[in-house]
């Protein structure tokens, strides 16, 4: 099953630019998404010098199915 965005629209190229967008795309809450990143290696990139994160839907799909 391929997740689809739930209410939050990602940027056109499949870039998700917050924990809220990432979690919505996955269909989970923010805390679960953060836990998956910390414990299961979910591909999320951290913006140096800030608390911001970025994830790409193609990478998340591959991680989910890998």
Protein backbone atom coordinates (compact mmCIF):
# COMPACT_ATOMS: atom_id res chain seq x y z
CA UNK A 1 0.00 0.00 0.00
CA UNK A 2 1.43 3.38 -1.03
CA UNK A 3 0.76 6.24 1.37
CA UNK A 4 -0.79 9.39 -0.01
CA UNK A 5 -0.85 12.86 1.54
CA UNK A 6 -3.51 13.33 4.22
CA UNK A 7 -4.64 16.95 4.07
CA UNK A 8 -1.21 18.57 3.70
CA UNK A 9 0.02 19.09 0.18
CA UNK A 10 3.76 18.53 -0.33
CA UNK A 11 5.78 20.71 -2.65
CA UNK A 12 5.53 19.62 -6.31
CA UNK A 13 8.82 17.74 -6.48
CA UNK A 14 7.86 15.46 -3.58
CA UNK A 15 9.70 17.44 -0.92
CA UNK A 16 8.21 17.43 2.58
CA UNK A 17 9.61 20.26 4.68
CA UNK A 18 8.34 19.68 8.22
CA UNK A 19 7.59 16.90 10.66
CA UNK A 20 3.91 17.75 10.25
CA UNK A 21 4.06 17.23 6.46
CA UNK A 22 6.12 14.04 6.82
CA UNK A 23 3.75 12.57 9.40
CA UNK A 24 0.67 13.53 7.38
CA UNK A 25 2.09 11.90 4.25
CA UNK A 26 2.81 8.72 6.23
CA UNK A 27 -0.60 8.81 7.92
CA UNK A 28 0.85 8.83 11.44
CA UNK A 29 1.31 11.43 14.16
CA UNK A 30 4.46 13.57 14.41
CA UNK A 31 5.82 11.65 17.41
CA UNK A 32 5.59 8.34 15.53
CA UNK A 33 7.38 9.81 12.50
CA UNK A 34 10.16 11.12 14.74
CA UNK A 35 10.43 7.72 16.44
CA UNK A 36 10.71 5.96 13.07
CA UNK A 37 13.53 8.31 12.09
CA UNK A 38 15.39 7.74 15.35
CA UNK A 39 14.84 4.00 15.72
CA UNK A 40 14.24 2.62 12.24
CA UNK A 41 16.39 4.75 9.99
CA UNK A 42 13.62 6.54 8.15
CA UNK A 43 15.35 8.84 5.62
CA UNK A 44 15.04 12.39 6.91
CA UNK A 45 17.56 15.17 6.34
CA UNK A 46 18.21 17.79 8.97
CA UNK A 47 18.89 21.38 7.95
CA UNK A 48 22.25 22.39 9.47
CA UNK A 49 21.99 25.07 12.14
CA UNK A 50 18.24 24.71 12.68
CA UNK A 51 15.58 22.31 13.89
CA UNK A 52 14.11 21.94 10.40
CA UNK A 53 13.86 18.64 8.56
CA UNK A 54 13.33 17.65 4.94
CA UNK A 55 12.22 14.34 3.48
CA UNK A 56 11.55 13.26 -0.09
CA UNK A 57 8.51 11.14 -0.89
CA UNK A 58 10.50 8.90 -3.26
CA UNK A 59 12.96 8.05 -0.46
CA UNK A 60 10.16 7.48 2.06
CA UNK A 61 8.38 5.15 -0.39
CA UNK A 62 11.60 3.17 -0.93
CA UNK A 63 12.19 2.99 2.84
CA UNK A 64 8.63 1.78 3.48
CA UNK A 65 8.92 -0.96 0.85
CA UNK A 66 12.55 -1.84 1.54
